[in-house]
Protein backbone atom coordinates (compact mmCIF):
# COMPACT_ATOMS: atom_id res chain seq x y z
CA MET A 1 16.57 71.46 19.73
CA ALA A 2 15.64 67.96 18.83
CA SER A 3 18.21 64.98 19.02
CA LYS A 4 18.44 62.02 16.87
CA VAL A 5 16.36 58.65 17.98
CA HIS A 6 17.76 55.19 18.04
CA VAL A 7 14.76 53.67 16.01
CA LYS A 8 13.25 55.41 12.84
CA LYS A 9 8.91 54.39 11.66
CA GLY A 10 8.10 51.06 10.37
CA ASP A 11 11.25 49.37 12.67
CA GLN A 12 10.17 46.24 14.71
CA VAL A 13 10.50 46.90 17.90
CA ALA A 14 10.75 45.28 21.55
CA VAL A 15 9.59 46.82 24.63
CA VAL A 16 11.96 46.30 27.41
CA SER A 17 11.03 48.07 30.20
CA GLY A 18 7.77 49.57 32.13
CA LYS A 19 4.31 48.18 32.33
CA ASN A 20 4.22 46.82 28.82
CA LYS A 21 7.53 44.91 28.93
CA GLY A 22 8.24 42.07 26.69
CA LYS A 23 5.46 43.35 24.35
CA ARG A 24 6.86 43.77 20.29
CA GLY A 25 5.53 46.04 17.55
CA LYS A 26 6.01 48.32 14.89
CA VAL A 27 7.15 51.87 15.39
CA LEU A 28 4.48 53.61 13.86
CA ARG A 29 5.40 57.13 14.51
CA VAL A 30 8.87 58.95 16.21
CA ILE A 31 8.36 62.57 18.27
CA LEU A 32 11.85 64.25 18.21
CA ASP A 33 11.38 66.89 20.32
CA THR A 34 9.99 64.67 23.38
CA GLN A 35 12.08 61.71 22.59
CA ARG A 36 9.30 59.65 22.39
CA VAL A 37 7.70 56.40 20.07
CA ILE A 38 4.51 55.16 19.51
CA VAL A 39 4.51 51.83 19.31
CA GLU A 40 1.31 49.54 17.12
CA GLY A 41 -0.28 47.78 20.11
CA VAL A 42 1.63 48.87 23.24
CA ASN A 43 0.59 51.39 25.46
CA MET A 44 -2.87 51.25 24.96
CA VAL A 45 -4.68 53.53 26.64
CA LYS A 46 -8.92 54.54 26.67
CA LYS A 47 -9.71 58.15 25.08
CA HIS A 48 -13.45 59.24 25.67
CA GLN A 49 -14.36 60.66 21.71
CA ARG A 50 -17.03 63.23 21.29
CA PRO A 51 -18.85 62.76 17.88
CA THR A 52 -17.68 65.37 15.40
CA GLN A 53 -18.23 65.74 11.62
CA LYS A 54 -15.01 63.77 10.76
CA VAL A 55 -15.63 60.74 13.09
CA MET A 56 -19.31 60.40 13.39
CA GLN A 57 -19.52 57.70 15.76
CA GLY A 58 -18.46 58.81 19.57
CA GLY A 59 -17.79 56.77 22.84
CA ILE A 60 -14.90 55.31 24.51
CA ILE A 61 -11.82 54.30 21.63
CA ASP A 62 -8.71 52.48 22.58
CA LYS A 63 -5.26 53.91 21.27
CA GLU A 64 -1.40 53.73 21.24
CA ALA A 65 0.30 56.37 23.92
CA PRO A 66 3.48 57.40 23.28
CA LEU A 67 6.31 55.88 24.71
CA SER A 68 10.01 56.85 26.20
CA ALA A 69 12.18 55.90 22.73
CA SER A 70 14.97 54.55 25.74
CA ALA A 71 12.22 51.85 26.77
CA VAL A 72 12.53 50.16 23.57
CA MET A 73 15.42 48.55 21.38
CA ILE A 74 15.07 47.26 17.97
CA TRP A 75 14.23 43.42 17.59
CA CYS A 76 17.31 41.76 14.90
CA PRO A 77 15.14 39.32 13.01
CA ARG A 78 18.50 36.79 12.85
CA CYS A 79 18.69 36.87 16.27
CA GLN A 80 15.22 36.76 17.46
CA GLU A 81 15.91 38.79 20.45
CA PRO A 82 16.38 43.00 20.75
CA SER A 83 19.58 44.60 20.38
CA ARG A 84 21.44 47.71 20.31
CA THR A 85 22.69 48.83 17.32
CA ARG A 86 25.92 49.89 15.59
CA SER A 87 26.76 51.94 12.51
CA LYS A 88 28.63 50.62 9.90
CA ILE A 89 29.68 52.29 6.74
CA LEU A 90 29.37 49.65 3.24
CA ASP A 91 31.45 49.45 0.47
CA ASP A 92 29.60 52.08 -1.32
CA GLY A 93 29.95 54.81 1.22
CA LYS A 94 26.27 53.83 2.26
CA LYS A 95 25.67 54.22 6.60
CA VAL A 96 23.59 51.46 7.82
CA ARG A 97 22.39 50.38 11.38
CA THR A 98 23.25 46.77 12.05
CA CYS A 99 22.83 44.41 15.13
CA ALA A 100 25.33 44.77 17.93
CA ARG A 101 24.84 40.82 18.50
CA CYS A 102 25.34 39.40 15.13
CA GLY A 103 26.05 41.99 12.72
CA GLU A 104 22.71 41.74 10.84
CA VAL A 105 22.39 44.75 8.38
CA LEU A 106 19.06 46.19 9.88
CA ASP A 107 18.76 49.09 7.26
CA LYS A 108 16.83 47.38 4.23
């Protein structure tokens, strides 16, 4: 059974551990069953691509590999730092994620 992940597709995140520590990027995909995320321009690997009917040009391509969701933190646009998230219920009853440092609403 898959559980929740603290980031969503489209979030700006910073990598806080591993060989890509300090890099930032946008979440392209969240893989719930393995608790991993694919971040744009982070954790690049080389893949040997065979020519197919879809991809006529074969060769070695660079692509993003998944990394653990625990290795990334959401990037707060107001603090300009990685931050944990808190949940907050607004007056209209909508539940949103907020920055734990400054209280900025992260869900737009």
